[in-house]
PDB file of N, CA and C in Angstrom:
ATOM      1  N   UNK A   1      -4.958 -38.349 -82.820  1.00  0.00           N
ATOM      2  CA  UNK A   1      -5.214 -39.395 -83.789  1.00  0.00           C
ATOM      3  C   UNK A   1      -5.333 -40.766 -83.142  1.00  0.00           C
ATOM      4  N   UNK A   2      -4.985 -40.854 -81.864  1.00  0.00           N
ATOM      5  CA  UNK A   2      -5.104 -42.140 -81.176  1.00  0.00           C
ATOM      6  C   UNK A   2      -6.567 -42.567 -81.106  1.00  0.00           C
ATOM      7  N   UNK A   3      -7.458 -41.607 -80.866  1.00  0.00           N
ATOM      8  CA  UNK A   3      -8.886 -41.930 -80.835  1.00  0.00           C
ATOM      9  C   UNK A   3      -9.362 -42.381 -82.209  1.00  0.00           C
ATOM     10  N   UNK A   4      -8.857 -41.737 -83.254  1.00  0.00           N
ATOM     11  CA  UNK A   4      -9.225 -42.116 -84.622  1.00  0.00           C
ATOM     12  C   UNK A   4      -8.716 -43.515 -84.944  1.00  0.00           C
ATOM     13  N   UNK A   5      -7.517 -43.844 -84.510  1.00  0.00           N
ATOM     14  CA  UNK A   5      -6.988 -45.188 -84.731  1.00  0.00           C
ATOM     15  C   UNK A   5      -7.795 -46.225 -83.963  1.00  0.00           C
ATOM     16  N   UNK A   6      -8.211 -45.886 -82.742  1.00  0.00           N
ATOM     17  CA  UNK A   6      -9.067 -46.784 -81.956  1.00  0.00           C
ATOM     18  C   UNK A   6     -10.409 -46.961 -82.662  1.00  0.00           C
ATOM     19  N   UNK A   7     -10.922 -45.852 -83.192  1.00  0.00           N
ATOM     20  CA  UNK A   7     -12.187 -45.865 -83.919  1.00  0.00           C
ATOM     21  C   UNK A   7     -12.114 -46.794 -85.132  1.00  0.00           C
ATOM     22  N   UNK A   8     -10.981 -46.826 -85.806  1.00  0.00           N
ATOM     23  CA  UNK A   8     -10.842 -47.610 -87.033  1.00  0.00           C
ATOM     24  C   UNK A   8     -10.394 -49.044 -86.810  1.00  0.00           C
ATOM     25  N   UNK A   9     -10.064 -49.411 -85.584  1.00  0.00           N
ATOM     26  CA  UNK A   9      -9.560 -50.754 -85.339  1.00  0.00           C
ATOM     27  C   UNK A   9     -10.598 -51.804 -85.729  1.00  0.00           C
ATOM     28  N   UNK A  10     -10.155 -52.755 -86.514  1.00  0.00           N
ATOM     29  CA  UNK A  10     -11.028 -53.838 -86.924  1.00  0.00           C
ATOM     30  C   UNK A  10     -11.924 -53.551 -88.114  1.00  0.00           C
ATOM     31  N   UNK A  11     -11.815 -52.355 -88.717  1.00  0.00           N
ATOM     32  CA  UNK A  11     -12.669 -52.028 -89.853  1.00  0.00           C
ATOM     33  C   UNK A  11     -11.983 -52.275 -91.192  1.00  0.00           C
ATOM     34  N   UNK A  12     -10.656 -52.395 -91.197  1.00  0.00           N
ATOM     35  CA  UNK A  12      -9.934 -52.578 -92.449  1.00  0.00           C
ATOM     36  C   UNK A  12      -9.615 -51.275 -93.147  1.00  0.00           C
ATOM     37  N   UNK A  13      -9.971 -50.148 -92.547  1.00  0.00           N
ATOM     38  CA  UNK A  13      -9.705 -48.841 -93.141  1.00  0.00           C
ATOM     39  C   UNK A  13      -8.348 -48.328 -92.685  1.00  0.00           C
ATOM     40  N   UNK A  14      -7.726 -47.526 -93.539  1.00  0.00           N
ATOM     41  CA  UNK A  14      -6.482 -46.858 -93.172  1.00  0.00           C
ATOM     42  C   UNK A  14      -6.686 -45.354 -93.305  1.00  0.00           C
ATOM     43  N   UNK A  15      -5.924 -44.608 -92.534  1.00  0.00           N
ATOM     44  CA  UNK A  15      -6.045 -43.152 -92.528  1.00  0.00           C
ATOM     45  C   UNK A  15      -5.209 -42.578 -93.662  1.00  0.00           C
ATOM     46  N   UNK A  16      -5.852 -41.833 -94.552  1.00  0.00           N
ATOM     47  CA  UNK A  16      -5.128 -41.169 -95.633  1.00  0.00           C
ATOM     48  C   UNK A  16      -4.574 -39.838 -95.139  1.00  0.00           C
ATOM     49  N   UNK A  17      -5.413 -39.021 -94.508  1.00  0.00           N
ATOM     50  CA  UNK A  17      -4.955 -37.789 -93.866  1.00  0.00           C
ATOM     51  C   UNK A  17      -5.971 -37.351 -92.826  1.00  0.00           C
ATOM     52  N   UNK A  18      -5.499 -36.563 -91.873  1.00  0.00           N
ATOM     53  CA  UNK A  18      -6.344 -36.047 -90.800  1.00  0.00           C
ATOM     54  C   UNK A  18      -6.059 -34.558 -90.663  1.00  0.00           C
ATOM     55  N   UNK A  19      -7.119 -33.767 -90.632  1.00  0.00           N
ATOM     56  CA  UNK A  19      -7.002 -32.329 -90.426  1.00  0.00           C
ATOM     57  C   UNK A  19      -7.724 -31.970 -89.139  1.00  0.00           C
ATOM     58  N   UNK A  20      -6.986 -31.566 -88.106  1.00  0.00           N
ATOM     59  CA  UNK A  20      -7.663 -31.131 -86.884  1.00  0.00           C
ATOM     60  C   UNK A  20      -8.293 -29.759 -87.101  1.00  0.00           C
ATOM     61  N   UNK A  21      -9.580 -29.637 -86.810  1.00  0.00           N
ATOM     62  CA  UNK A  21     -10.293 -28.378 -86.980  1.00  0.00           C
ATOM     63  C   UNK A  21     -10.384 -27.596 -85.679  1.00  0.00           C
ATOM     64  N   UNK A  22      -9.927 -28.193 -84.599  1.00  0.00           N
ATOM     65  CA  UNK A  22      -9.860 -27.497 -83.321  1.00  0.00           C
ATOM     66  C   UNK A  22     -11.065 -27.733 -82.431  1.00  0.00           C
ATOM     67  N   UNK A  23     -10.994 -27.097 -81.283  1.00  0.00           N
ATOM     68  CA  UNK A  23     -12.045 -27.202 -80.284  1.00  0.00           C
ATOM     69  C   UNK A  23     -13.095 -26.144 -80.582  1.00  0.00           C
ATOM     70  N   UNK A  24     -14.351 -26.563 -80.628  1.00  0.00           N
ATOM     71  CA  UNK A  24     -15.444 -25.649 -80.949  1.00  0.00           C
ATOM     72  C   UNK A  24     -16.603 -25.871 -79.996  1.00  0.00           C
ATOM     73  N   UNK A  25     -17.374 -24.835 -79.827  1.00  0.00           N
ATOM     74  CA  UNK A  25     -18.573 -24.900 -78.999  1.00  0.00           C
ATOM     75  C   UNK A  25     -19.658 -25.662 -79.760  1.00  0.00           C
ATOM     76  N   UNK A  26     -20.324 -26.569 -79.069  1.00  0.00           N
ATOM     77  CA  UNK A  26     -21.409 -27.334 -79.676  1.00  0.00           C
ATOM     78  C   UNK A  26     -22.678 -26.484 -79.738  1.00  0.00           C
ATOM     79  N   UNK A  27     -23.528 -26.752 -80.688  1.00  0.00           N
ATOM     80  CA  UNK A  27     -24.779 -26.008 -80.835  1.00  0.00           C
ATOM     81  C   UNK A  27     -25.708 -26.276 -79.647  1.00  0.00           C
ATOM     82  N   UNK A  28     -25.598 -27.449 -79.058  1.00  0.00           N
ATOM     83  CA  UNK A  28     -26.393 -27.817 -77.888  1.00  0.00           C
ATOM     84  C   UNK A  28     -25.590 -28.835 -77.080  1.00  0.00           C
ATOM     85  N   UNK A  29     -25.804 -28.903 -75.778  1.00  0.00           N
ATOM     86  CA  UNK A  29     -25.041 -29.853 -74.951  1.00  0.00           C
ATOM     87  C   UNK A  29     -25.335 -31.304 -75.339  1.00  0.00           C
ATOM     88  N   UNK A  30     -24.286 -32.105 -75.384  1.00  0.00           N
ATOM     89  CA  UNK A  30     -24.400 -33.534 -75.636  1.00  0.00           C
ATOM     90  C   UNK A  30     -23.714 -34.232 -74.474  1.00  0.00           C
ATOM     91  N   UNK A  31     -24.463 -35.031 -73.729  1.00  0.00           N
ATOM     92  CA  UNK A  31     -23.937 -35.725 -72.556  1.00  0.00           C
ATOM     93  C   UNK A  31     -23.207 -34.744 -71.627  1.00  0.00           C
ATOM     94  N   UNK A  32     -23.822 -33.588 -71.407  1.00  0.00           N
ATOM     95  CA  UNK A  32     -23.330 -32.519 -70.533  1.00  0.00           C
ATOM     96  C   UNK A  32     -22.042 -31.868 -71.041  1.00  0.00           C
ATOM     97  N   UNK A  33     -21.667 -32.129 -72.280  1.00  0.00           N
ATOM     98  CA  UNK A  33     -20.489 -31.499 -72.892  1.00  0.00           C
ATOM     99  C   UNK A  33     -20.949 -30.310 -73.711  1.00  0.00           C
ATOM    100  N   UNK A  34     -20.248 -29.174 -73.597  1.00  0.00           N
ATOM    101  CA  UNK A  34     -20.610 -27.984 -74.364  1.00  0.00           C
ATOM    102  C   UNK A  34     -19.592 -27.671 -75.452  1.00  0.00           C
ATOM    103  N   UNK A  35     -18.446 -28.358 -75.430  1.00  0.00           N
ATOM    104  CA  UNK A  35     -17.420 -28.170 -76.452  1.00  0.00           C
ATOM    105  C   UNK A  35     -16.977 -29.527 -76.978  1.00  0.00           C
ATOM    106  N   UNK A  36     -16.501 -29.518 -78.211  1.00  0.00           N
ATOM    107  CA  UNK A  36     -16.003 -30.743 -78.806  1.00  0.00           C
ATOM    108  C   UNK A  36     -14.816 -30.452 -79.691  1.00  0.00           C
ATOM    109  N   UNK A  37     -13.969 -31.449 -79.897  1.00  0.00           N
ATOM    110  CA  UNK A  37     -12.815 -31.314 -80.766  1.00  0.00           C
ATOM    111  C   UNK A  37     -13.165 -31.952 -82.102  1.00  0.00           C
ATOM    112  N   UNK A  38     -13.050 -31.179 -83.157  1.00  0.00           N
ATOM    113  CA  UNK A  38     -13.459 -31.621 -84.483  1.00  0.00           C
ATOM    114  C   UNK A  38     -12.250 -32.097 -85.291  1.00  0.00           C
ATOM    115  N   UNK A  39     -12.422 -33.215 -85.998  1.00  0.00           N
ATOM    116  CA  UNK A  39     -11.411 -33.755 -86.900  1.00  0.00           C
ATOM    117  C   UNK A  39     -12.057 -34.008 -88.254  1.00  0.00           C
ATOM    118  N   UNK A  40     -11.310 -33.743 -89.299  1.00  0.00           N
ATOM    119  CA  UNK A  40     -11.733 -34.080 -90.649  1.00  0.00           C
ATOM    120  C   UNK A  40     -10.735 -35.095 -91.168  1.00  0.00           C
ATOM    121  N   UNK A  41     -11.206 -36.282 -91.467  1.00  0.00           N
ATOM    122  CA  UNK A  41     -10.300 -37.343 -91.894  1.00  0.00           C
ATOM    123  C   UNK A  41     -10.735 -37.976 -93.194  1.00  0.00           C
ATOM    124  N   UNK A  42      -9.746 -38.384 -93.960  1.00  0.00           N
ATOM    125  CA  UNK A  42      -9.997 -39.136 -95.189  1.00  0.00           C
ATOM    126  C   UNK A  42      -9.492 -40.557 -94.963  1.00  0.00           C
ATOM    127  N   UNK A  43     -10.355 -41.514 -95.255  1.00  0.00           N
ATOM    128  CA  UNK A  43     -10.031 -42.920 -95.027  1.00  0.00           C
ATOM    129  C   UNK A  43      -9.990 -43.656 -96.351  1.00  0.00           C
ATOM    130  N   UNK A  44      -9.168 -44.678 -96.407  1.00  0.00           N
ATOM    131  CA  UNK A  44      -9.043 -45.500 -97.605  1.00  0.00           C
ATOM    132  C   UNK A  44      -9.221 -46.951 -97.196  1.00  0.00           C
ATOM    133  N   UNK A  45      -9.937 -47.696 -98.003  1.00  0.00           N
ATOM    134  CA  UNK A  45     -10.083 -49.119 -97.729  1.00  0.00           C
ATOM    135  C   UNK A  45     -11.429 -49.630 -98.182  1.00  0.00           C
ATOM    136  N   UNK A  46     -11.513 -50.919 -98.260  1.00  0.00           N
ATOM    137  CA  UNK A  46     -12.760 -51.569 -98.616  1.00  0.00           C
ATOM    138  C   UNK A  46     -13.482 -51.939 -97.335  1.00  0.00           C
ATOM    139  N   UNK A  47     -14.439 -51.111 -96.966  1.00  0.00           N
ATOM    140  CA  UNK A  47     -15.215 -51.381 -95.765  1.00  0.00           C
ATOM    141  C   UNK A  47     -16.632 -50.911 -95.993  1.00  0.00           C
ATOM    142  N   UNK A  48     -17.518 -51.364 -95.170  1.00  0.00           N
ATOM    143  CA  UNK A  48     -18.916 -50.964 -95.269  1.00  0.00           C
ATOM    144  C   UNK A  48     -19.145 -49.748 -94.385  1.00  0.00           C
ATOM    145  N   UNK A  49     -19.957 -48.827 -94.855  1.00  0.00           N
ATOM    146  CA  UNK A  49     -20.275 -47.638 -94.075  1.00  0.00           C
ATOM    147  C   UNK A  49     -20.945 -48.028 -92.764  1.00  0.00           C
ATOM    148  N   UNK A  50     -21.748 -49.065 -92.782  1.00  0.00           N
ATOM    149  CA  UNK A  50     -22.415 -49.534 -91.574  1.00  0.00           C
ATOM    150  C   UNK A  50     -21.427 -50.001 -90.512  1.00  0.00           C
ATOM    151  N   UNK A  51     -20.318 -50.607 -90.945  1.00  0.00           N
ATOM    152  CA  UNK A  51     -19.298 -51.045 -89.988  1.00  0.00           C
ATOM    153  C   UNK A  51     -18.651 -49.852 -89.302  1.00  0.00           C
ATOM    154  N   UNK A  52     -18.380 -48.789 -90.074  1.00  0.00           N
ATOM    155  CA  UNK A  52     -17.783 -47.586 -89.489  1.00  0.00           C
ATOM    156  C   UNK A  52     -18.752 -46.905 -88.528  1.00  0.00           C
ATOM    157  N   UNK A  53     -20.012 -46.853 -88.890  1.00  0.00           N
ATOM    158  CA  UNK A  53     -21.010 -46.236 -88.013  1.00  0.00           C
ATOM    159  C   UNK A  53     -21.172 -47.027 -86.722  1.00  0.00           C
ATOM    160  N   UNK A  54     -21.153 -48.334 -86.819  1.00  0.00           N
ATOM    161  CA  UNK A  54     -21.255 -49.170 -85.621  1.00  0.00           C
ATOM    162  C   UNK A  54     -20.059 -48.930 -84.712  1.00  0.00           C
ATOM    163  N   UNK A  55     -18.874 -48.843 -85.300  1.00  0.00           N
ATOM    164  CA  UNK A  55     -17.665 -48.599 -84.516  1.00  0.00           C
ATOM    165  C   UNK A  55     -17.721 -47.223 -83.851  1.00  0.00           C
ATOM    166  N   UNK A  56     -18.285 -46.229 -84.533  1.00  0.00           N
ATOM    167  CA  UNK A  56     -18.404 -44.881 -83.963  1.00  0.00           C
ATOM    168  C   UNK A  56     -19.318 -44.893 -82.747  1.00  0.00           C
ATOM    169  N   UNK A  57     -20.403 -45.639 -82.824  1.00  0.00           N
ATOM    170  CA  UNK A  57     -21.324 -45.723 -81.690  1.00  0.00           C
ATOM    171  C   UNK A  57     -20.684 -46.413 -80.493  1.00  0.00           C
ATOM    172  N   UNK A  58     -19.804 -47.363 -80.746  1.00  0.00           N
ATOM    173  CA  UNK A  58     -19.195 -48.144 -79.669  1.00  0.00           C
ATOM    174  C   UNK A  58     -17.950 -47.489 -79.069  1.00  0.00           C
ATOM    175  N   UNK A  59     -17.356 -46.526 -79.764  1.00  0.00           N
ATOM    176  CA  UNK A  59     -16.129 -45.893 -79.299  1.00  0.00           C
ATOM    177  C   UNK A  59     -16.449 -44.795 -78.298  1.00  0.00           C
ATOM    178  N   UNK A  60     -15.924 -44.940 -77.082  1.00  0.00           N
ATOM    179  CA  UNK A  60     -16.131 -43.890 -76.088  1.00  0.00           C
ATOM    180  C   UNK A  60     -15.318 -42.669 -76.496  1.00  0.00           C
ATOM    181  N   UNK A  61     -15.853 -41.508 -76.251  1.00  0.00           N
ATOM    182  CA  UNK A  61     -15.177 -40.274 -76.638  1.00  0.00           C
ATOM    183  C   UNK A  61     -15.704 -39.683 -77.922  1.00  0.00           C
ATOM    184  N   UNK A  62     -16.435 -40.459 -78.699  1.00  0.00           N
ATOM    185  CA  UNK A  62     -17.047 -39.947 -79.924  1.00  0.00           C
ATOM    186  C   UNK A  62     -18.468 -39.534 -79.578  1.00  0.00           C
ATOM    187  N   UNK A  63     -18.722 -38.212 -79.549  1.00  0.00           N
ATOM    188  CA  UNK A  63     -20.063 -37.724 -79.217  1.00  0.00           C
ATOM    189  C   UNK A  63     -20.975 -37.777 -80.432  1.00  0.00           C
ATOM    190  N   UNK A  64     -20.482 -37.289 -81.554  1.00  0.00           N
ATOM    191  CA  UNK A  64     -21.226 -37.291 -82.816  1.00  0.00           C
ATOM    192  C   UNK A  64     -20.250 -37.529 -83.955  1.00  0.00           C
ATOM    193  N   UNK A  65     -20.758 -37.990 -85.062  1.00  0.00           N
ATOM    194  CA  UNK A  65     -19.917 -38.197 -86.238  1.00  0.00           C
ATOM    195  C   UNK A  65     -20.766 -37.953 -87.482  1.00  0.00           C
ATOM    196  N   UNK A  66     -20.096 -37.665 -88.552  1.00  0.00           N
ATOM    197  CA  UNK A  66     -20.739 -37.525 -89.850  1.00  0.00           C
ATOM    198  C   UNK A  66     -19.883 -38.291 -90.843  1.00  0.00           C
ATOM    199  N   UNK A  67     -20.483 -39.245 -91.495  1.00  0.00           N
ATOM    200  CA  UNK A  67     -19.768 -40.073 -92.446  1.00  0.00           C
ATOM    201  C   UNK A  67     -20.338 -39.829 -93.834  1.00  0.00           C
ATOM    202  N   UNK A  68     -19.476 -39.474 -94.765  1.00  0.00           N
ATOM    203  CA  UNK A  68     -19.886 -39.354 -96.155  1.00  0.00           C
ATOM    204  C   UNK A  68     -19.010 -40.286 -96.974  1.00  0.00           C
ATOM    205  N   UNK A  69     -19.590 -40.912 -97.966  1.00  0.00           N
ATOM    206  CA  UNK A  69     -18.878 -41.869 -98.799  1.00  0.00           C
ATOM    207  C   UNK A  69     -18.625 -41.228-100.151  1.00  0.00           C
ATOM    208  N   UNK A  70     -17.374 -41.257-100.561  1.00  0.00           N
ATOM    209  CA  UNK A  70     -16.966 -40.695-101.853  1.00  0.00           C
ATOM    210  C   UNK A  70     -16.589 -41.850-102.766  1.00  0.00           C
ATOM    211  N   UNK A  71     -17.253 -41.948-103.899  1.00  0.00           N
ATOM    212  CA  UNK A  71     -16.956 -43.049-104.843  1.00  0.00           C
ATOM    213  C   UNK A  71     -15.728 -42.762-105.648  1.00  0.00           C
TER     214      UNK A  71
END
């Protein structure tokens, strides 16, 4: 969760819960990596989705992310 906390720094979001899904094989290599550790997290806070996406791109260690917004 340290990476997730680093990912959220400065966004105003707080972690509601985190479910580790474990280490899984990637469908295709990303930056020469063939496996990745998957996390499913629920966040709470007033923030823009664009801010979270920008932070994901800037955080080292995040190969890919999927962000969905629940109203």
